[in-house]
Amino acid sequence: MHSAHPPRDEDRITQAIRYLIQHAHSQPTLAQLAGTLNLSEYHLQRLFTQWAGISPKRFLQQITLEAAKAGLQQGTALLPLAHQLGLSGSSRLHDLFVTLEAMTPGEWRAGGASLQLHWSIEPSRFGPLLAASTPRGLCLLHFLPLPDPASAHMLLQQRWPQAQLQHQPGSHQALVAQLFQPLHLHDSQPLRLHVHGSNFQLQVWRALLAIPYGSLCSYGQLAQALGKPGTARAVGSAVGANPIAWLIPCHRVIRASGALGGYRWGENCKLSLLGWEAAQQAGTDNYRSVEQ
């Protein structure tokens, strides 16, 4: 009888993040976290810092309610700029340029009959990512629980039943690798998104593009930035329908209380993204201060 394979580093990080999220209220120590993973404190500290750029203790500080409230206060002052940039159709995601183009109503009504989509499942820091593109840009970026091509193909068929789907393993590998690099290593090549949505959804997604890296806003603040106060519930629905994980940063929208709110790909994923993003922002500030 063969023994089970030892956990991979990626799996250990996932377990560590899950534990920190579930026990954030009690502020677990490094020793407690290391004990649950059967690792030495030294090994865990080194492994986690390699992944996040900061220690588990600093990461834990980034996912607390207090950190969320501080992020919301910062975001309030940035919302007029977010409104101005978001409605223009393009913006910057840290050092990445992102442009958003809408599919035509005809393309969508026909179930994507005129569309050629190539897709792949790529590994990422936050689990398997299903990526699909048309010749005009990325049309889907979706976190998966498992890297299962059959389930991914079914998901794409449900969304575009008449499209020509071509599975091209590795075709989005360079893109996904670029997304989760340290900030100062990004180049400035534009990333094109080609998505379908109602006019209102597209307005919300463009506004999301303008929320600066490492900042947060509430659903109500986002509605106000769009010039539509009192539509926070409708804004929340549009945020939840976002088809492009991470690049259209719906993870940066939380409740006014500082609570997470929902997330299409799960609250653990949302907290992991926010914690890692805050860590990278802190690391970039340090990097820039050294450069200057």
C-alpha atoms as a PDB file:
ATOM      1  CA  MET A   1       0.000   0.000   0.000  1.00  0.00           C
ATOM      2  CA  HIS A   2       1.444   3.327  -1.101  1.00  0.00           C
ATOM      3  CA  SER A   3       1.628   6.190   1.368  1.00  0.00           C
ATOM      4  CA  ALA A   4      -0.109   9.451   0.521  1.00  0.00           C
ATOM      5  CA  HIS A   5       1.930  12.095  -1.258  1.00  0.00           C
ATOM      6  CA  PRO A   6       3.159  14.860   1.049  1.00  0.00           C
ATOM      7  CA  PRO A   7       1.297  18.162   0.656  1.00  0.00           C
ATOM      8  CA  ARG A   8       2.670  20.521  -1.977  1.00  0.00           C
ATOM      9  CA  ASP A   9       3.784  24.008  -0.978  1.00  0.00           C
ATOM     10  CA  GLU A  10       0.733  25.462  -2.744  1.00  0.00           C
ATOM     11  CA  ASP A  11      -1.551  23.202  -0.722  1.00  0.00           C
ATOM     12  CA  ARG A  12       0.145  24.200   2.531  1.00  0.00           C
ATOM     13  CA  ILE A  13      -0.343  27.885   1.705  1.00  0.00           C
ATOM     14  CA  THR A  14      -4.009  27.237   0.929  1.00  0.00           C
ATOM     15  CA  GLN A  15      -4.413  25.457   4.266  1.00  0.00           C
ATOM     16  CA  ALA A  16      -2.608  28.272   6.080  1.00  0.00           C
ATOM     17  CA  ILE A  17      -4.816  30.957   4.540  1.00  0.00           C
ATOM     18  CA  ARG A  18      -7.976  28.984   5.278  1.00  0.00           C
ATOM     19  CA  TYR A  19      -6.925  28.619   8.913  1.00  0.00           C
ATOM     20  CA  LEU A  20      -6.065  32.327   9.251  1.00  0.00           C
ATOM     21  CA  ILE A  21      -9.409  33.341   7.752  1.00  0.00           C
ATOM     22  CA  GLN A  22     -11.436  30.974   9.917  1.00  0.00           C
ATOM     23  CA  HIS A  23      -9.607  31.972  13.118  1.00  0.00           C
ATOM     24  CA  ALA A  24      -8.900  35.656  12.448  1.00  0.00           C
ATOM     25  CA  HIS A  25     -11.125  36.652  15.372  1.00  0.00           C
ATOM     26  CA  SER A  26      -8.754  34.926  17.815  1.00  0.00           C
ATOM     27  CA  GLN A  27      -5.535  36.193  16.179  1.00  0.00           C
ATOM     28  CA  PRO A  28      -3.673  32.844  16.069  1.00  0.00           C
ATOM     29  CA  THR A  29       0.075  32.863  16.661  1.00  0.00           C
ATOM     30  CA  LEU A  30       2.682  31.582  14.252  1.00  0.00           C
ATOM     31  CA  ALA A  31       3.206  28.586  16.554  1.00  0.00           C
ATOM     32  CA  GLN A  32      -0.497  27.705  16.435  1.00  0.00           C
ATOM     33  CA  LEU A  33      -0.604  28.009  12.664  1.00  0.00           C
ATOM     34  CA  ALA A  34       2.564  25.955  12.217  1.00  0.00           C
ATOM     35  CA  GLY A  35       1.197  23.262  14.515  1.00  0.00           C
ATOM     36  CA  THR A  36      -1.944  22.779  12.414  1.00  0.00           C
ATOM     37  CA  LEU A  37       0.217  22.285   9.301  1.00  0.00           C
ATOM     38  CA  ASN A  38       2.830  20.040  10.938  1.00  0.00           C
ATOM     39  CA  LEU A  39       5.564  22.483   9.982  1.00  0.00           C
ATOM     40  CA  SER A  40       8.246  24.253  11.961  1.00  0.00           C
ATOM     41  CA  GLU A  41       7.653  27.935  12.604  1.00  0.00           C
ATOM     42  CA  TYR A  42      10.789  28.759  10.606  1.00  0.00           C
ATOM     43  CA  HIS A  43       9.706  26.724   7.579  1.00  0.00           C
ATOM     44  CA  LEU A  44       6.195  28.144   7.624  1.00  0.00           C
ATOM     45  CA  GLN A  45       7.419  31.739   7.966  1.00  0.00           C
ATOM     46  CA  ARG A  46       9.801  31.287   5.029  1.00  0.00           C
ATOM     47  CA  LEU A  47       7.234  29.484   2.850  1.00  0.00           C
ATOM     48  CA  PHE A  48       4.447  31.976   3.521  1.00  0.00           C
ATOM     49  CA  THR A  49       6.689  35.002   2.993  1.00  0.00           C
ATOM     50  CA  GLN A  50       7.835  33.607  -0.357  1.00  0.00           C
ATOM     51  CA  TRP A  51       4.183  33.364  -1.432  1.00  0.00           C
ATOM     52  CA  ALA A  52       2.720  36.582  -0.022  1.00  0.00           C
ATOM     53  CA  GLY A  53       5.727  38.848   0.383  1.00  0.00           C
ATOM     54  CA  ILE A  54       4.853  39.367   4.058  1.00  0.00           C
ATOM     55  CA  SER A  55       4.666  37.209   7.171  1.00  0.00           C
ATOM     56  CA  PRO A  56       1.520  35.313   8.249  1.00  0.00           C
ATOM     57  CA  LYS A  57       1.094  37.841  11.087  1.00  0.00           C
ATOM     58  CA  ARG A  58       1.109  40.794   8.655  1.00  0.00           C
ATOM     59  CA  PHE A  59      -1.248  38.936   6.326  1.00  0.00           C
ATOM     60  CA  LEU A  60      -3.612  38.345   9.224  1.00  0.00           C
ATOM     61  CA  GLN A  61      -3.613  42.068   9.954  1.00  0.00           C
ATOM     62  CA  GLN A  62      -4.657  42.747   6.350  1.00  0.00           C
ATOM     63  CA  ILE A  63      -7.792  40.584   6.544  1.00  0.00           C
ATOM     64  CA  THR A  64      -9.255  42.010   9.753  1.00  0.00           C
ATOM     65  CA  LEU A  65     -12.367  44.136  10.004  1.00  0.00           C
ATOM     66  CA  GLU A  66     -10.229  47.114  11.053  1.00  0.00           C
ATOM     67  CA  ALA A  67      -8.165  46.848   7.868  1.00  0.00           C
ATOM     68  CA  ALA A  68     -11.322  46.691   5.782  1.00  0.00           C
ATOM     69  CA  LYS A  69     -12.737  49.820   7.425  1.00  0.00           C
ATOM     70  CA  ALA A  70      -9.467  51.667   6.836  1.00  0.00           C
ATOM     71  CA  GLY A  71      -9.556  50.646   3.184  1.00  0.00           C
ATOM     72  CA  LEU A  72     -13.108  51.926   2.855  1.00  0.00           C
ATOM     73  CA  GLN A  73     -12.141  55.316   4.283  1.00  0.00           C
ATOM     74  CA  GLN A  74      -9.304  55.549   1.785  1.00  0.00           C
ATOM     75  CA  GLY A  75     -11.594  54.542  -1.074  1.00  0.00           C
ATOM     76  CA  THR A  76     -14.146  57.262  -0.312  1.00  0.00           C
ATOM     77  CA  ALA A  77     -11.770  60.017  -1.379  1.00  0.00           C
ATOM     78  CA  LEU A  78     -10.924  58.149  -4.580  1.00  0.00           C
ATOM     79  CA  LEU A  79     -14.456  57.568  -5.809  1.00  0.00           C
ATOM     80  CA  PRO A  80     -14.844  60.787  -7.831  1.00  0.00           C
ATOM     81  CA  LEU A  81     -11.729  59.734  -9.745  1.00  0.00           C
ATOM     82  CA  ALA A  82     -13.104  56.204 -10.052  1.00  0.00           C
ATOM     83  CA  HIS A  83     -16.303  57.564 -11.575  1.00  0.00           C
ATOM     84  CA  GLN A  84     -14.391  59.702 -14.041  1.00  0.00           C
ATOM     85  CA  LEU A  85     -12.087  56.890 -15.113  1.00  0.00           C
ATOM     86  CA  GLY A  86     -14.571  54.050 -14.892  1.00  0.00           C
ATOM     87  CA  LEU A  87     -17.007  55.442 -17.423  1.00  0.00           C
ATOM     88  CA  SER A  88     -14.230  56.065 -19.938  1.00  0.00           C
ATOM     89  CA  GLY A  89     -13.962  52.362 -20.732  1.00  0.00           C
ATOM     90  CA  SER A  90     -10.337  51.849 -19.809  1.00  0.00           C
ATOM     91  CA  SER A  91      -8.234  52.138 -16.709  1.00  0.00           C
ATOM     92  CA  ARG A  92      -5.155  50.836 -14.946  1.00  0.00           C
ATOM     93  CA  LEU A  93      -4.942  47.833 -12.724  1.00  0.00           C
ATOM     94  CA  HIS A  94      -1.688  48.607 -10.876  1.00  0.00           C
ATOM     95  CA  ASP A  95       0.849  48.394 -13.752  1.00  0.00           C
ATOM     96  CA  LEU A  96      -1.524  46.667 -16.178  1.00  0.00           C
ATOM     97  CA  PHE A  97      -3.618  48.569 -18.704  1.00  0.00           C
ATOM     98  CA  VAL A  98      -7.088  47.063 -19.099  1.00  0.00           C
ATOM     99  CA  THR A  99      -9.545  47.975 -21.849  1.00  0.00           C
ATOM    100  CA  LEU A 100     -13.126  46.715 -21.920  1.00  0.00           C
ATOM    101  CA  GLU A 101     -15.126  46.109 -25.099  1.00  0.00           C
ATOM    102  CA  ALA A 102     -18.756  44.933 -25.074  1.00  0.00           C
ATOM    103  CA  MET A 103     -20.032  42.070 -27.212  1.00  0.00           C
ATOM    104  CA  THR A 104     -22.788  43.108 -29.582  1.00  0.00           C
ATOM    105  CA  PRO A 105     -26.388  42.156 -28.728  1.00  0.00           C
ATOM    106  CA  GLY A 106     -26.434  40.042 -31.871  1.00  0.00           C
ATOM    107  CA  GLU A 107     -23.416  38.027 -30.804  1.00  0.00           C
ATOM    108  CA  TRP A 108     -25.011  37.264 -27.458  1.00  0.00           C
ATOM    109  CA  ARG A 109     -28.550  36.549 -28.722  1.00  0.00           C
ATOM    110  CA  ALA A 110     -27.138  34.024 -31.171  1.00  0.00           C
ATOM    111  CA  GLY A 111     -25.573  32.119 -28.281  1.00  0.00           C
ATOM    112  CA  GLY A 112     -22.141  33.083 -29.525  1.00  0.00           C
ATOM    113  CA  ALA A 113     -22.675  31.441 -32.942  1.00  0.00           C
ATOM    114  CA  SER A 114     -20.326  33.921 -34.598  1.00  0.00           C
ATOM    115  CA  LEU A 115     -17.681  33.631 -31.885  1.00  0.00           C
ATOM    116  CA  GLN A 116     -14.551  31.519 -31.839  1.00  0.00           C
ATOM    117  CA  LEU A 117     -13.384  30.928 -28.270  1.00  0.00           C
ATOM    118  CA  HIS A 118     -10.156  29.294 -27.218  1.00  0.00           C
ATOM    119  CA  TRP A 119      -9.833  28.283 -23.613  1.00  0.00           C
ATOM    120  CA  SER A 120      -7.500  26.693 -21.108  1.00  0.00           C
ATOM    121  CA  ILE A 121      -7.208  25.946 -17.405  1.00  0.00           C
ATOM    122  CA  GLU A 122      -4.142  27.503 -15.832  1.00  0.00           C
ATOM    123  CA  PRO A 123      -2.682  27.149 -12.327  1.00  0.00           C
ATOM    124  CA  SER A 124      -2.516  30.304 -10.224  1.00  0.00           C
ATOM    125  CA  ARG A 125      -1.660  31.371  -6.677  1.00  0.00           C
ATOM    126  CA  PHE A 126      -5.355  31.121  -5.842  1.00  0.00           C
ATOM    127  CA  GLY A 127      -6.251  27.838  -7.512  1.00  0.00           C
ATOM    128  CA  PRO A 128      -7.110  26.717 -11.052  1.00  0.00           C
ATOM    129  CA  LEU A 129      -8.304  29.463 -13.401  1.00  0.00           C
ATOM    130  CA  LEU A 130     -10.489  28.871 -16.435  1.00  0.00           C
ATOM    131  CA  ALA A 131      -9.590  31.468 -19.068  1.00  0.00           C
ATOM    132  CA  ALA A 132     -11.401  31.935 -22.386  1.00  0.00           C
ATOM    133  CA  SER A 133     -10.748  34.442 -25.153  1.00  0.00           C
ATOM    134  CA  THR A 134     -12.211  35.595 -28.449  1.00  0.00           C
ATOM    135  CA  PRO A 135     -10.010  37.208 -31.123  1.00  0.00           C
ATOM    136  CA  ARG A 136     -11.008  40.557 -29.562  1.00  0.00           C
ATOM    137  CA  GLY A 137      -9.978  39.794 -26.001  1.00  0.00           C
ATOM    138  CA  LEU A 138     -10.433  37.830 -22.781  1.00  0.00           C
ATOM    139  CA  CYS A 139     -14.112  36.976 -22.235  1.00  0.00           C
ATOM    140  CA  LEU A 140     -13.980  34.798 -19.104  1.00  0.00           C
ATOM    141  CA  LEU A 141     -11.664  34.364 -16.123  1.00  0.00           C
ATOM    142  CA  HIS A 142     -13.200  32.005 -13.597  1.00  0.00           C
ATOM    143  CA  PHE A 143     -11.770  30.336 -10.487  1.00  0.00           C
ATOM    144  CA  LEU A 144     -12.421  26.586 -10.409  1.00  0.00           C
ATOM    145  CA  PRO A 145     -12.492  24.217  -7.421  1.00  0.00           C
ATOM    146  CA  LEU A 146     -10.611  21.610  -9.477  1.00  0.00           C
ATOM    147  CA  PRO A 147      -8.765  21.707 -12.826  1.00  0.00           C
ATOM    148  CA  ASP A 148     -11.426  19.590 -14.549  1.00  0.00           C
ATOM    149  CA  PRO A 149     -11.630  20.152 -18.342  1.00  0.00           C
ATOM    150  CA  ALA A 150     -15.029  18.446 -18.655  1.00  0.00           C
ATOM    151  CA  SER A 151     -16.665  20.742 -16.099  1.00  0.00           C
ATOM    152  CA  ALA A 152     -14.953  23.764 -17.629  1.00  0.00           C
ATOM    153  CA  HIS A 153     -16.192  22.861 -21.108  1.00  0.00           C
ATOM    154  CA  MET A 154     -19.729  22.451 -19.754  1.00  0.00           C
ATOM    155  CA  LEU A 155     -19.581  25.864 -18.093  1.00  0.00           C
ATOM    156  CA  LEU A 156     -18.488  27.465 -21.373  1.00  0.00           C
ATOM    157  CA  GLN A 157     -21.194  25.643 -23.334  1.00  0.00           C
ATOM    158  CA  GLN A 158     -23.865  26.880 -20.944  1.00  0.00           C
ATOM    159  CA  ARG A 159     -22.691  30.459 -21.425  1.00  0.00           C
ATOM    160  CA  TRP A 160     -22.062  30.309 -25.192  1.00  0.00           C
ATOM    161  CA  PRO A 161     -24.015  27.279 -26.506  1.00  0.00           C
ATOM    162  CA  GLN A 162     -23.387  28.045 -30.182  1.00  0.00           C
ATOM    163  CA  ALA A 163     -19.789  29.264 -30.028  1.00  0.00           C
ATOM    164  CA  GLN A 164     -16.886  27.344 -31.515  1.00  0.00           C
ATOM    165  CA  LEU A 165     -14.975  26.192 -28.441  1.00  0.00           C
ATOM    166  CA  GLN A 166     -11.350  25.206 -28.848  1.00  0.00           C
ATOM    167  CA  HIS A 167      -9.453  23.755 -25.906  1.00  0.00           C
ATOM    168  CA  GLN A 168      -5.870  24.977 -26.175  1.00  0.00           C
ATOM    169  CA  PRO A 169      -3.969  23.927 -23.024  1.00  0.00           C
ATOM    170  CA  GLY A 170      -1.435  26.500 -21.934  1.00  0.00           C
ATOM    171  CA  SER A 171      -2.774  29.243 -24.226  1.00  0.00           C
ATOM    172  CA  HIS A 172      -3.371  31.627 -21.302  1.00  0.00           C
ATOM    173  CA  GLN A 173      -0.348  30.581 -19.238  1.00  0.00           C
ATOM    174  CA  ALA A 174       1.615  33.783 -19.880  1.00  0.00           C
ATOM    175  CA  LEU A 175      -1.409  35.946 -19.074  1.00  0.00           C
ATOM    176  CA  VAL A 176      -2.148  34.238 -15.761  1.00  0.00           C
ATOM    177  CA  ALA A 177       1.528  34.324 -14.782  1.00  0.00           C
ATOM    178  CA  GLN A 178       1.550  38.072 -15.468  1.00  0.00           C
ATOM    179  CA  LEU A 179      -1.494  38.732 -13.283  1.00  0.00           C
ATOM    180  CA  PHE A 180       0.067  37.554 -10.044  1.00  0.00           C
ATOM    181  CA  GLN A 181       3.609  38.840 -10.365  1.00  0.00           C
ATOM    182  CA  PRO A 182       5.001  41.365  -7.869  1.00  0.00           C
ATOM    183  CA  LEU A 183       3.797  44.778  -8.976  1.00  0.00           C
ATOM    184  CA  HIS A 184       7.143  46.255  -9.995  1.00  0.00           C
ATOM    185  CA  LEU A 185       7.710  43.392 -12.464  1.00  0.00           C
ATOM    186  CA  HIS A 186       4.648  44.116 -14.611  1.00  0.00           C
ATOM    187  CA  ASP A 187       5.029  45.506 -18.104  1.00  0.00           C
ATOM    188  CA  SER A 188       2.577  47.971 -19.640  1.00  0.00           C
ATOM    189  CA  GLN A 189       1.137  45.856 -22.438  1.00  0.00           C
ATOM    190  CA  PRO A 190      -2.630  46.430 -22.683  1.00  0.00           C
ATOM    191  CA  LEU A 191      -5.026  43.645 -21.739  1.00  0.00           C
ATOM    192  CA  ARG A 192      -8.246  43.584 -23.754  1.00  0.00           C
ATOM    193  CA  LEU A 193     -11.493  42.296 -22.285  1.00  0.00           C
ATOM    194  CA  HIS A 194     -14.409  41.304 -24.559  1.00  0.00           C
ATOM    195  CA  VAL A 195     -17.482  40.772 -22.395  1.00  0.00           C
ATOM    196  CA  HIS A 196     -21.255  40.675 -22.559  1.00  0.00           C
ATOM    197  CA  GLY A 197     -23.498  42.545 -20.156  1.00  0.00           C
ATOM    198  CA  SER A 198     -26.400  44.944 -19.926  1.00  0.00           C
ATOM    199  CA  ASN A 199     -25.642  48.655 -20.179  1.00  0.00           C
ATOM    200  CA  PHE A 200     -25.947  48.934 -16.401  1.00  0.00           C
ATOM    201  CA  GLN A 201     -23.640  45.960 -15.778  1.00  0.00           C
ATOM    202  CA  LEU A 202     -21.049  47.404 -18.144  1.00  0.00           C
ATOM    203  CA  GLN A 203     -21.188  50.722 -16.294  1.00  0.00           C
ATOM    204  CA  VAL A 204     -20.582  48.946 -12.995  1.00  0.00           C
ATOM    205  CA  TRP A 205     -17.727  46.829 -14.381  1.00  0.00           C
ATOM    206  CA  ARG A 206     -16.029  49.888 -15.863  1.00  0.00           C
ATOM    207  CA  ALA A 207     -16.291  51.630 -12.514  1.00  0.00           C
ATOM    208  CA  LEU A 208     -14.775  48.568 -10.839  1.00  0.00           C
ATOM    209  CA  LEU A 209     -11.769  48.876 -13.156  1.00  0.00           C
ATOM    210  CA  ALA A 210     -11.096  52.286 -11.660  1.00  0.00           C
ATOM    211  CA  ILE A 211     -10.916  51.205  -8.008  1.00  0.00           C
ATOM    212  CA  PRO A 212      -7.182  51.528  -7.356  1.00  0.00           C
ATOM    213  CA  TYR A 213      -5.082  48.541  -6.401  1.00  0.00           C
ATOM    214  CA  GLY A 214      -5.162  47.969  -2.637  1.00  0.00           C
ATOM    215  CA  SER A 215      -8.259  50.152  -2.149  1.00  0.00           C
ATOM    216  CA  LEU A 216     -11.814  49.184  -1.230  1.00  0.00           C
ATOM    217  CA  CYS A 217     -15.269  50.658  -1.674  1.00  0.00           C
ATOM    218  CA  SER A 218     -18.753  49.739  -0.503  1.00  0.00           C
ATOM    219  CA  TYR A 219     -21.707  48.874  -2.704  1.00  0.00           C
ATOM    220  CA  GLY A 220     -23.338  52.140  -1.704  1.00  0.00           C
ATOM    221  CA  GLN A 221     -20.209  54.152  -2.520  1.00  0.00           C
ATOM    222  CA  LEU A 222     -20.006  52.480  -5.914  1.00  0.00           C
ATOM    223  CA  ALA A 223     -23.653  53.325  -6.618  1.00  0.00           C
ATOM    224  CA  GLN A 224     -22.974  56.927  -5.638  1.00  0.00           C
ATOM    225  CA  ALA A 225     -19.895  57.068  -7.861  1.00  0.00           C
ATOM    226  CA  LEU A 226     -22.084  55.973 -10.773  1.00  0.00           C
ATOM    227  CA  GLY A 227     -24.447  58.824 -10.045  1.00  0.00           C
ATOM    228  CA  LYS A 228     -27.156  56.398  -8.953  1.00  0.00           C
ATOM    229  CA  PRO A 229     -27.459  56.575  -5.149  1.00  0.00           C
ATOM    230  CA  GLY A 230     -30.003  54.196  -3.710  1.00  0.00           C
ATOM    231  CA  THR A 231     -29.209  51.426  -6.206  1.00  0.00           C
ATOM    232  CA  ALA A 232     -26.726  49.546  -4.008  1.00  0.00           C
ATOM    233  CA  ARG A 233     -28.696  46.294  -4.343  1.00  0.00           C
ATOM    234  CA  ALA A 234     -28.728  46.494  -8.147  1.00  0.00           C
ATOM    235  CA  VAL A 235     -25.042  47.412  -8.107  1.00  0.00           C
ATOM    236  CA  GLY A 236     -24.387  44.357  -5.929  1.00  0.00           C
ATOM    237  CA  SER A 237     -26.131  42.116  -8.477  1.00  0.00           C
ATOM    238  CA  ALA A 238     -24.032  43.582 -11.294  1.00  0.00           C
ATOM    239  CA  VAL A 239     -20.853  43.130  -9.253  1.00  0.00           C
ATOM    240  CA  GLY A 240     -21.810  39.484  -8.652  1.00  0.00           C
ATOM    241  CA  ALA A 241     -22.314  38.899 -12.394  1.00  0.00           C
ATOM    242  CA  ASN A 242     -18.765  39.963 -13.250  1.00  0.00           C
ATOM    243  CA  PRO A 243     -17.311  37.370 -15.672  1.00  0.00           C
ATOM    244  CA  ILE A 244     -13.641  38.373 -15.276  1.00  0.00           C
ATOM    245  CA  ALA A 245     -12.176  37.481 -11.884  1.00  0.00           C
ATOM    246  CA  TRP A 246      -9.347  39.660 -10.515  1.00  0.00           C
ATOM    247  CA  LEU A 247      -8.938  41.831 -13.642  1.00  0.00           C
ATOM    248  CA  ILE A 248     -12.372  43.390 -13.112  1.00  0.00           C
ATOM    249  CA  PRO A 249     -11.750  43.692  -9.379  1.00  0.00           C
ATOM    250  CA  CYS A 250     -15.139  42.931  -7.848  1.00  0.00           C
ATOM    251  CA  HIS A 251     -13.239  41.561  -4.821  1.00  0.00           C
ATOM    252  CA  ARG A 252     -12.545  45.182  -3.809  1.00  0.00           C
ATOM    253  CA  VAL A 253     -16.227  45.884  -3.079  1.00  0.00           C
ATOM    254  CA  ILE A 254     -17.354  45.113   0.479  1.00  0.00           C
ATOM    255  CA  ARG A 255     -20.163  46.164   2.788  1.00  0.00           C
ATOM    256  CA  ALA A 256     -20.164  49.585   4.428  1.00  0.00           C
ATOM    257  CA  SER A 257     -19.707  47.896   7.816  1.00  0.00           C
ATOM    258  CA  GLY A 258     -16.395  46.415   6.679  1.00  0.00           C
ATOM    259  CA  ALA A 259     -17.905  42.929   6.342  1.00  0.00           C
ATOM    260  CA  LEU A 260     -16.939  41.060   3.201  1.00  0.00           C
ATOM    261  CA  GLY A 261     -20.285  40.657   1.481  1.00  0.00           C
ATOM    262  CA  GLY A 262     -20.630  37.911  -1.102  1.00  0.00           C
ATOM    263  CA  TYR A 263     -18.204  36.797  -3.762  1.00  0.00           C
ATOM    264  CA  ARG A 264     -18.885  34.701  -6.821  1.00  0.00           C
ATOM    265  CA  TRP A 265     -15.920  32.455  -6.118  1.00  0.00           C
ATOM    266  CA  GLY A 266     -16.332  32.231  -2.335  1.00  0.00           C
ATOM    267  CA  GLU A 267     -15.442  34.375   0.671  1.00  0.00           C
ATOM    268  CA  ASN A 268     -12.176  32.540   1.345  1.00  0.00           C
ATOM    269  CA  CYS A 269     -11.008  33.372  -2.168  1.00  0.00           C
ATOM    270  CA  LYS A 270     -12.064  37.011  -1.728  1.00  0.00           C
ATOM    271  CA  LEU A 271     -10.135  37.364   1.520  1.00  0.00           C
ATOM    272  CA  SER A 272      -7.089  35.672   0.023  1.00  0.00           C
ATOM    273  CA  LEU A 273      -7.116  38.077  -2.927  1.00  0.00           C
ATOM    274  CA  LEU A 274      -7.504  41.129  -0.681  1.00  0.00           C
ATOM    275  CA  GLY A 275      -4.809  39.982   1.721  1.00  0.00           C
ATOM    276  CA  TRP A 276      -2.331  39.173  -1.031  1.00  0.00           C
ATOM    277  CA  GLU A 277      -3.098  42.431  -2.842  1.00  0.00           C
ATOM    278  CA  ALA A 278      -2.523  44.458   0.324  1.00  0.00           C
ATOM    279  CA  ALA A 279       0.728  42.585   0.858  1.00  0.00           C
ATOM    280  CA  GLN A 280       1.910  43.381  -2.661  1.00  0.00           C
ATOM    281  CA  GLN A 281       0.958  47.030  -2.245  1.00  0.00           C
ATOM    282  CA  ALA A 282       3.028  47.228   0.936  1.00  0.00           C
ATOM    283  CA  GLY A 283       5.918  45.493  -0.792  1.00  0.00           C
ATOM    284  CA  THR A 284       5.744  47.864  -3.748  1.00  0.00           C
ATOM    285  CA  ASP A 285       5.788  50.896  -1.470  1.00  0.00           C
ATOM    286  CA  ASN A 286       8.942  49.506   0.135  1.00  0.00           C
ATOM    287  CA  TYR A 287      10.456  48.760  -3.276  1.00  0.00           C
ATOM    288  CA  ARG A 288       9.756  52.284  -4.549  1.00  0.00           C
ATOM    289  CA  SER A 289      11.219  53.868  -1.427  1.00  0.00           C
ATOM    290  CA  VAL A 290      14.432  51.889  -2.014  1.00  0.00           C
ATOM    291  CA  GLU A 291      14.484  52.866  -5.693  1.00  0.00           C
ATOM    292  CA  GLN A 292      14.044  56.526  -4.843  1.00  0.00           C
END
